[in-house]
């Protein structure tokens, strides 16, 4: 198995700017070898079908892995491979043929896969994993950028049509990201944001653990009266 270093194209206050490790393996992986996973999200763009799924037991370099991938990305601010608690897989199919796949592993709070774990925007798949929001090019799954948007966990990603931006629903912070993965603003509350989120044209409404409601202006991130 050949290892290849892939450097992040973005840098900044919270952008993951260290080395990303990528392992290339046999591209001729039969589709029948992919076992179904309990948590899965399917998206479509042009002629491609994109499947995001959970693979938390994957270990880099292990012969015991159930699945193998064309690319592997480890997302951690300090570059250390330990503490990667979340593992999600991304696969791209064209006419039911698997043409690209990758495994992402990230530090931060553990995440699963649900309806808001990934979105398709402008030829890219933007996903939430661990404490990161990550953008990968479709169909190649080349890494475009990875940004740590929360100190704990990123629960999901959303797109604001009115503001043409990405919204990260973090456990501690709500953040607005540009299309290039730069954090425009981030806002927090008195407790963790675990009880719901709603996005309108101008505001993000979230509810914390104690059912306190917050309303943040998407334009500047300022808290508004609820």
C-alpha atoms as a PDB file:
ATOM      1  CA  UNK A   1       0.000   0.000   0.000  1.00  0.00           C
ATOM      2  CA  UNK A   2       1.536   3.286  -1.107  1.00  0.00           C
ATOM      3  CA  UNK A   3       1.251   6.373   1.095  1.00  0.00           C
ATOM      4  CA  UNK A   4       0.971   9.829  -0.400  1.00  0.00           C
ATOM      5  CA  UNK A   5       1.031  13.146   1.443  1.00  0.00           C
ATOM      6  CA  UNK A   6      -1.617  15.641   0.407  1.00  0.00           C
ATOM      7  CA  UNK A   7      -1.289  19.148   1.788  1.00  0.00           C
ATOM      8  CA  UNK A   8      -4.379  21.176   2.681  1.00  0.00           C
ATOM      9  CA  UNK A   9      -5.110  23.960   0.170  1.00  0.00           C
ATOM     10  CA  UNK A  10      -6.486  26.229   2.888  1.00  0.00           C
ATOM     11  CA  UNK A  11      -5.006  27.714   6.046  1.00  0.00           C
ATOM     12  CA  UNK A  12      -6.230  30.110   8.698  1.00  0.00           C
ATOM     13  CA  UNK A  13      -7.406  30.430  12.282  1.00  0.00           C
ATOM     14  CA  UNK A  14      -9.389  27.204  12.292  1.00  0.00           C
ATOM     15  CA  UNK A  15      -8.607  25.673   8.918  1.00  0.00           C
ATOM     16  CA  UNK A  16      -6.950  22.266   9.054  1.00  0.00           C
ATOM     17  CA  UNK A  17      -3.611  23.217   7.591  1.00  0.00           C
ATOM     18  CA  UNK A  18      -1.406  20.258   8.490  1.00  0.00           C
ATOM     19  CA  UNK A  19      -0.559  17.282   6.295  1.00  0.00           C
ATOM     20  CA  UNK A  20      -3.398  15.018   5.253  1.00  0.00           C
ATOM     21  CA  UNK A  21      -2.376  11.415   4.728  1.00  0.00           C
ATOM     22  CA  UNK A  22      -3.804   9.639   1.712  1.00  0.00           C
ATOM     23  CA  UNK A  23      -3.427   5.934   0.979  1.00  0.00           C
ATOM     24  CA  UNK A  24      -4.182   4.663  -2.512  1.00  0.00           C
ATOM     25  CA  UNK A  25      -5.320   1.082  -2.824  1.00  0.00           C
ATOM     26  CA  UNK A  26      -6.647  -1.137  -5.596  1.00  0.00           C
ATOM     27  CA  UNK A  27      -9.256   0.710  -7.655  1.00  0.00           C
ATOM     28  CA  UNK A  28     -10.846  -2.529  -8.868  1.00  0.00           C
ATOM     29  CA  UNK A  29     -12.815  -3.158  -5.720  1.00  0.00           C
ATOM     30  CA  UNK A  30     -15.947  -5.183  -6.510  1.00  0.00           C
ATOM     31  CA  UNK A  31     -19.159  -3.468  -5.473  1.00  0.00           C
ATOM     32  CA  UNK A  32     -20.314  -6.735  -3.901  1.00  0.00           C
ATOM     33  CA  UNK A  33     -17.575  -6.393  -1.282  1.00  0.00           C
ATOM     34  CA  UNK A  34     -19.115  -3.230   0.167  1.00  0.00           C
ATOM     35  CA  UNK A  35     -21.241  -4.364   3.085  1.00  0.00           C
ATOM     36  CA  UNK A  36     -24.331  -2.338   3.935  1.00  0.00           C
ATOM     37  CA  UNK A  37     -23.960   0.022   6.873  1.00  0.00           C
ATOM     38  CA  UNK A  38     -26.630   1.069   9.357  1.00  0.00           C
ATOM     39  CA  UNK A  39     -26.106   4.819   8.961  1.00  0.00           C
ATOM     40  CA  UNK A  40     -26.160   6.096   5.388  1.00  0.00           C
ATOM     41  CA  UNK A  41     -27.037   9.251   3.443  1.00  0.00           C
ATOM     42  CA  UNK A  42     -27.471   9.261  -0.333  1.00  0.00           C
ATOM     43  CA  UNK A  43     -27.150  12.417  -2.457  1.00  0.00           C
ATOM     44  CA  UNK A  44     -27.214  13.010  -6.209  1.00  0.00           C
ATOM     45  CA  UNK A  45     -25.391  15.443  -8.478  1.00  0.00           C
ATOM     46  CA  UNK A  46     -25.483  15.265 -12.282  1.00  0.00           C
ATOM     47  CA  UNK A  47     -24.907  11.597 -13.199  1.00  0.00           C
ATOM     48  CA  UNK A  48     -23.291  10.758  -9.887  1.00  0.00           C
ATOM     49  CA  UNK A  49     -24.707   9.096  -6.801  1.00  0.00           C
ATOM     50  CA  UNK A  50     -22.878  10.059  -3.612  1.00  0.00           C
ATOM     51  CA  UNK A  51     -23.180   7.865  -0.531  1.00  0.00           C
ATOM     52  CA  UNK A  52     -22.007   9.002   2.909  1.00  0.00           C
ATOM     53  CA  UNK A  53     -21.906   6.293   5.563  1.00  0.00           C
ATOM     54  CA  UNK A  54     -20.496   5.434   8.952  1.00  0.00           C
ATOM     55  CA  UNK A  55     -17.369   3.288   9.317  1.00  0.00           C
ATOM     56  CA  UNK A  56     -16.176   3.884  12.894  1.00  0.00           C
ATOM     57  CA  UNK A  57     -14.081   0.695  13.205  1.00  0.00           C
ATOM     58  CA  UNK A  58     -11.744   1.415  10.297  1.00  0.00           C
ATOM     59  CA  UNK A  59      -8.044   1.417  11.210  1.00  0.00           C
ATOM     60  CA  UNK A  60      -5.405   2.720   8.856  1.00  0.00           C
ATOM     61  CA  UNK A  61      -3.145  -0.040   7.592  1.00  0.00           C
ATOM     62  CA  UNK A  62      -5.083  -2.848   9.258  1.00  0.00           C
ATOM     63  CA  UNK A  63      -5.618  -6.102   7.366  1.00  0.00           C
ATOM     64  CA  UNK A  64      -8.814  -6.629   9.367  1.00  0.00           C
ATOM     65  CA  UNK A  65     -10.757  -3.730   7.849  1.00  0.00           C
ATOM     66  CA  UNK A  66     -14.059  -4.763   6.293  1.00  0.00           C
ATOM     67  CA  UNK A  67     -13.816  -2.017   3.662  1.00  0.00           C
ATOM     68  CA  UNK A  68     -10.977  -0.519   1.654  1.00  0.00           C
ATOM     69  CA  UNK A  69     -10.852   2.947   0.110  1.00  0.00           C
ATOM     70  CA  UNK A  70      -9.096   4.781  -2.687  1.00  0.00           C
ATOM     71  CA  UNK A  71      -8.206   7.694  -0.420  1.00  0.00           C
ATOM     72  CA  UNK A  72      -7.813   8.228   3.291  1.00  0.00           C
ATOM     73  CA  UNK A  73      -7.936  11.557   5.154  1.00  0.00           C
ATOM     74  CA  UNK A  74      -7.066  12.048   8.813  1.00  0.00           C
ATOM     75  CA  UNK A  75      -8.377  15.320  10.215  1.00  0.00           C
ATOM     76  CA  UNK A  76      -6.549  16.571  13.259  1.00  0.00           C
ATOM     77  CA  UNK A  77      -5.187  20.005  14.110  1.00  0.00           C
ATOM     78  CA  UNK A  78      -1.797  18.823  15.377  1.00  0.00           C
ATOM     79  CA  UNK A  79      -1.264  16.078  12.801  1.00  0.00           C
ATOM     80  CA  UNK A  80      -1.214  13.279  15.407  1.00  0.00           C
ATOM     81  CA  UNK A  81      -3.086  10.187  14.225  1.00  0.00           C
ATOM     82  CA  UNK A  82      -4.334   9.270  17.704  1.00  0.00           C
ATOM     83  CA  UNK A  83      -7.690  10.446  18.997  1.00  0.00           C
ATOM     84  CA  UNK A  84      -9.516  10.042  15.677  1.00  0.00           C
ATOM     85  CA  UNK A  85     -12.868   9.084  17.176  1.00  0.00           C
ATOM     86  CA  UNK A  86     -15.136   9.431  14.111  1.00  0.00           C
ATOM     87  CA  UNK A  87     -14.872   7.516  10.847  1.00  0.00           C
ATOM     88  CA  UNK A  88     -17.150   8.140   7.854  1.00  0.00           C
ATOM     89  CA  UNK A  89     -16.914   6.871   4.286  1.00  0.00           C
ATOM     90  CA  UNK A  90     -17.770   8.702   1.080  1.00  0.00           C
ATOM     91  CA  UNK A  91     -18.374   6.829  -2.189  1.00  0.00           C
ATOM     92  CA  UNK A  92     -19.202   8.097  -5.666  1.00  0.00           C
ATOM     93  CA  UNK A  93     -21.017   5.945  -8.233  1.00  0.00           C
ATOM     94  CA  UNK A  94     -21.606   6.554 -11.926  1.00  0.00           C
ATOM     95  CA  UNK A  95     -24.147   4.255 -13.585  1.00  0.00           C
ATOM     96  CA  UNK A  96     -23.914   2.027 -10.502  1.00  0.00           C
ATOM     97  CA  UNK A  97     -20.151   1.688 -10.912  1.00  0.00           C
ATOM     98  CA  UNK A  98     -17.980   2.752  -7.995  1.00  0.00           C
ATOM     99  CA  UNK A  99     -15.552   5.353  -9.343  1.00  0.00           C
ATOM    100  CA  UNK A 100     -14.156   6.942  -6.161  1.00  0.00           C
ATOM    101  CA  UNK A 101     -14.154   6.355  -2.417  1.00  0.00           C
ATOM    102  CA  UNK A 102     -12.514   7.762   0.684  1.00  0.00           C
ATOM    103  CA  UNK A 103     -12.508   7.322   4.430  1.00  0.00           C
ATOM    104  CA  UNK A 104     -12.433  10.380   6.671  1.00  0.00           C
ATOM    105  CA  UNK A 105     -11.360  10.125  10.300  1.00  0.00           C
ATOM    106  CA  UNK A 106     -11.502  13.071  12.660  1.00  0.00           C
ATOM    107  CA  UNK A 107     -10.883  14.202  16.194  1.00  0.00           C
ATOM    108  CA  UNK A 108     -13.562  15.873  18.290  1.00  0.00           C
ATOM    109  CA  UNK A 109     -16.788  14.463  19.616  1.00  0.00           C
ATOM    110  CA  UNK A 110     -18.033  11.288  17.893  1.00  0.00           C
ATOM    111  CA  UNK A 111     -20.497  11.812  15.057  1.00  0.00           C
ATOM    112  CA  UNK A 112     -22.888   9.581  13.146  1.00  0.00           C
ATOM    113  CA  UNK A 113     -24.488   9.991   9.725  1.00  0.00           C
ATOM    114  CA  UNK A 114     -27.935  11.569   9.304  1.00  0.00           C
ATOM    115  CA  UNK A 115     -29.850  13.808   6.881  1.00  0.00           C
ATOM    116  CA  UNK A 116     -27.714  16.903   7.602  1.00  0.00           C
ATOM    117  CA  UNK A 117     -24.317  15.213   7.710  1.00  0.00           C
ATOM    118  CA  UNK A 118     -23.580  16.159   4.095  1.00  0.00           C
ATOM    119  CA  UNK A 119     -24.753  18.550   1.376  1.00  0.00           C
ATOM    120  CA  UNK A 120     -23.914  19.030  -2.301  1.00  0.00           C
ATOM    121  CA  UNK A 121     -22.835  22.518  -3.374  1.00  0.00           C
ATOM    122  CA  UNK A 122     -21.295  23.696  -6.650  1.00  0.00           C
ATOM    123  CA  UNK A 123     -19.628  20.446  -7.641  1.00  0.00           C
ATOM    124  CA  UNK A 124     -18.489  19.583  -4.128  1.00  0.00           C
ATOM    125  CA  UNK A 125     -19.710  17.423  -1.277  1.00  0.00           C
ATOM    126  CA  UNK A 126     -19.506  19.233   2.073  1.00  0.00           C
ATOM    127  CA  UNK A 127     -19.620  16.922   5.081  1.00  0.00           C
ATOM    128  CA  UNK A 128     -19.620  17.121   8.866  1.00  0.00           C
ATOM    129  CA  UNK A 129     -17.369  14.769  10.814  1.00  0.00           C
ATOM    130  CA  UNK A 130     -16.005  15.080  14.344  1.00  0.00           C
ATOM    131  CA  UNK A 131     -15.308  18.770  14.940  1.00  0.00           C
ATOM    132  CA  UNK A 132     -14.708  19.482  11.225  1.00  0.00           C
ATOM    133  CA  UNK A 133     -16.537  20.574   8.114  1.00  0.00           C
ATOM    134  CA  UNK A 134     -14.873  19.160   5.002  1.00  0.00           C
ATOM    135  CA  UNK A 135     -15.286  19.810   1.278  1.00  0.00           C
ATOM    136  CA  UNK A 136     -14.407  17.194  -1.343  1.00  0.00           C
ATOM    137  CA  UNK A 137     -14.543  17.523  -5.109  1.00  0.00           C
ATOM    138  CA  UNK A 138     -17.096  15.421  -6.987  1.00  0.00           C
ATOM    139  CA  UNK A 139     -16.414  12.974  -8.584  1.00  0.00           C
ATOM    140  CA  UNK A 140     -12.738  12.513  -7.608  1.00  0.00           C
ATOM    141  CA  UNK A 141     -13.137  13.076  -3.833  1.00  0.00           C
ATOM    142  CA  UNK A 142      -9.992  15.160  -3.766  1.00  0.00           C
ATOM    143  CA  UNK A 143      -9.787  17.222  -0.602  1.00  0.00           C
ATOM    144  CA  UNK A 144     -10.579  20.905  -1.219  1.00  0.00           C
ATOM    145  CA  UNK A 145     -10.529  22.157   2.368  1.00  0.00           C
ATOM    146  CA  UNK A 146     -11.155  21.068   5.950  1.00  0.00           C
ATOM    147  CA  UNK A 147     -12.038  23.494   8.722  1.00  0.00           C
ATOM    148  CA  UNK A 148     -12.454  22.844  12.420  1.00  0.00           C
ATOM    149  CA  UNK A 149     -15.695  24.702  13.151  1.00  0.00           C
ATOM    150  CA  UNK A 150     -16.307  23.670  16.759  1.00  0.00           C
ATOM    151  CA  UNK A 151     -14.203  22.869  19.803  1.00  0.00           C
ATOM    152  CA  UNK A 152     -16.285  19.748  20.427  1.00  0.00           C
ATOM    153  CA  UNK A 153     -18.563  18.368  17.693  1.00  0.00           C
ATOM    154  CA  UNK A 154     -20.064  19.470  14.390  1.00  0.00           C
ATOM    155  CA  UNK A 155     -23.584  18.005  14.373  1.00  0.00           C
ATOM    156  CA  UNK A 156     -24.446  18.963  10.792  1.00  0.00           C
ATOM    157  CA  UNK A 157     -24.059  21.281   7.800  1.00  0.00           C
ATOM    158  CA  UNK A 158     -26.623  23.485   6.054  1.00  0.00           C
ATOM    159  CA  UNK A 159     -26.642  25.844   3.105  1.00  0.00           C
ATOM    160  CA  UNK A 160     -28.157  29.328   3.186  1.00  0.00           C
ATOM    161  CA  UNK A 161     -29.492  30.118  -0.280  1.00  0.00           C
ATOM    162  CA  UNK A 162     -30.135  33.764   0.579  1.00  0.00           C
ATOM    163  CA  UNK A 163     -26.579  34.345   1.835  1.00  0.00           C
ATOM    164  CA  UNK A 164     -24.781  31.826  -0.402  1.00  0.00           C
ATOM    165  CA  UNK A 165     -22.880  30.357   2.532  1.00  0.00           C
ATOM    166  CA  UNK A 166     -22.460  27.204   4.595  1.00  0.00           C
ATOM    167  CA  UNK A 167     -23.780  27.017   8.165  1.00  0.00           C
ATOM    168  CA  UNK A 168     -22.136  24.672  10.663  1.00  0.00           C
ATOM    169  CA  UNK A 169     -24.285  23.416  13.539  1.00  0.00           C
ATOM    170  CA  UNK A 170     -21.734  22.843  16.246  1.00  0.00           C
ATOM    171  CA  UNK A 171     -22.216  21.558  19.748  1.00  0.00           C
ATOM    172  CA  UNK A 172     -20.743  24.760  21.169  1.00  0.00           C
ATOM    173  CA  UNK A 173     -20.733  27.174  18.224  1.00  0.00           C
ATOM    174  CA  UNK A 174     -22.860  28.068  15.240  1.00  0.00           C
ATOM    175  CA  UNK A 175     -20.545  29.164  12.422  1.00  0.00           C
ATOM    176  CA  UNK A 176     -20.878  30.690   8.984  1.00  0.00           C
ATOM    177  CA  UNK A 177     -18.364  29.473   6.397  1.00  0.00           C
ATOM    178  CA  UNK A 178     -17.520  30.847   2.994  1.00  0.00           C
ATOM    179  CA  UNK A 179     -17.506  28.582  -0.063  1.00  0.00           C
ATOM    180  CA  UNK A 180     -13.737  28.325   0.457  1.00  0.00           C
ATOM    181  CA  UNK A 181     -14.064  27.050   4.025  1.00  0.00           C
ATOM    182  CA  UNK A 182     -13.119  30.268   5.809  1.00  0.00           C
ATOM    183  CA  UNK A 183     -14.984  30.996   9.052  1.00  0.00           C
ATOM    184  CA  UNK A 184     -16.825  34.293   8.587  1.00  0.00           C
ATOM    185  CA  UNK A 185     -18.217  34.307  12.135  1.00  0.00           C
ATOM    186  CA  UNK A 186     -19.001  31.905  14.973  1.00  0.00           C
ATOM    187  CA  UNK A 187     -21.382  32.413  17.892  1.00  0.00           C
ATOM    188  CA  UNK A 188     -22.020  30.474  21.082  1.00  0.00           C
ATOM    189  CA  UNK A 189     -24.627  30.401  23.846  1.00  0.00           C
ATOM    190  CA  UNK A 190     -24.937  29.592  27.530  1.00  0.00           C
ATOM    191  CA  UNK A 191     -24.947  25.834  26.926  1.00  0.00           C
ATOM    192  CA  UNK A 192     -24.558  23.244  24.176  1.00  0.00           C
ATOM    193  CA  UNK A 193     -26.805  23.437  21.099  1.00  0.00           C
ATOM    194  CA  UNK A 194     -28.439  20.011  21.249  1.00  0.00           C
ATOM    195  CA  UNK A 195     -32.186  20.664  20.975  1.00  0.00           C
ATOM    196  CA  UNK A 196     -32.778  21.741  17.401  1.00  0.00           C
ATOM    197  CA  UNK A 197     -31.839  24.183  14.663  1.00  0.00           C
ATOM    198  CA  UNK A 198     -33.868  26.089  12.064  1.00  0.00           C
ATOM    199  CA  UNK A 199     -32.455  28.241   9.270  1.00  0.00           C
ATOM    200  CA  UNK A 200     -34.436  30.984   7.530  1.00  0.00           C
ATOM    201  CA  UNK A 201     -33.355  33.602   4.974  1.00  0.00           C
ATOM    202  CA  UNK A 202     -31.806  35.891   7.584  1.00  0.00           C
ATOM    203  CA  UNK A 203     -31.474  33.974  10.841  1.00  0.00           C
ATOM    204  CA  UNK A 204     -30.269  30.773  12.443  1.00  0.00           C
ATOM    205  CA  UNK A 205     -32.440  29.681  15.358  1.00  0.00           C
ATOM    206  CA  UNK A 206     -31.034  27.097  17.771  1.00  0.00           C
ATOM    207  CA  UNK A 207     -32.111  25.631  21.082  1.00  0.00           C
ATOM    208  CA  UNK A 208     -29.670  24.636  23.810  1.00  0.00           C
ATOM    209  CA  UNK A 209     -29.692  21.771  26.284  1.00  0.00           C
ATOM    210  CA  UNK A 210     -31.960  23.683  28.690  1.00  0.00           C
ATOM    211  CA  UNK A 211     -34.412  24.665  25.907  1.00  0.00           C
ATOM    212  CA  UNK A 212     -33.207  28.253  25.712  1.00  0.00           C
ATOM    213  CA  UNK A 213     -33.673  29.625  22.215  1.00  0.00           C
ATOM    214  CA  UNK A 214     -31.135  31.752  20.336  1.00  0.00           C
ATOM    215  CA  UNK A 215     -31.442  33.684  17.083  1.00  0.00           C
ATOM    216  CA  UNK A 216     -28.266  34.620  15.205  1.00  0.00           C
ATOM    217  CA  UNK A 217     -28.158  37.004  12.256  1.00  0.00           C
ATOM    218  CA  UNK A 218     -26.662  35.131   9.296  1.00  0.00           C
ATOM    219  CA  UNK A 219     -25.118  38.331   7.967  1.00  0.00           C
ATOM    220  CA  UNK A 220     -22.942  39.130  11.003  1.00  0.00           C
ATOM    221  CA  UNK A 221     -23.489  36.393  13.592  1.00  0.00           C
ATOM    222  CA  UNK A 222     -24.936  38.793  16.171  1.00  0.00           C
ATOM    223  CA  UNK A 223     -27.487  37.438  18.626  1.00  0.00           C
ATOM    224  CA  UNK A 224     -30.965  38.924  18.188  1.00  0.00           C
ATOM    225  CA  UNK A 225     -33.907  39.115  20.497  1.00  0.00           C
ATOM    226  CA  UNK A 226     -36.054  35.984  20.231  1.00  0.00           C
END
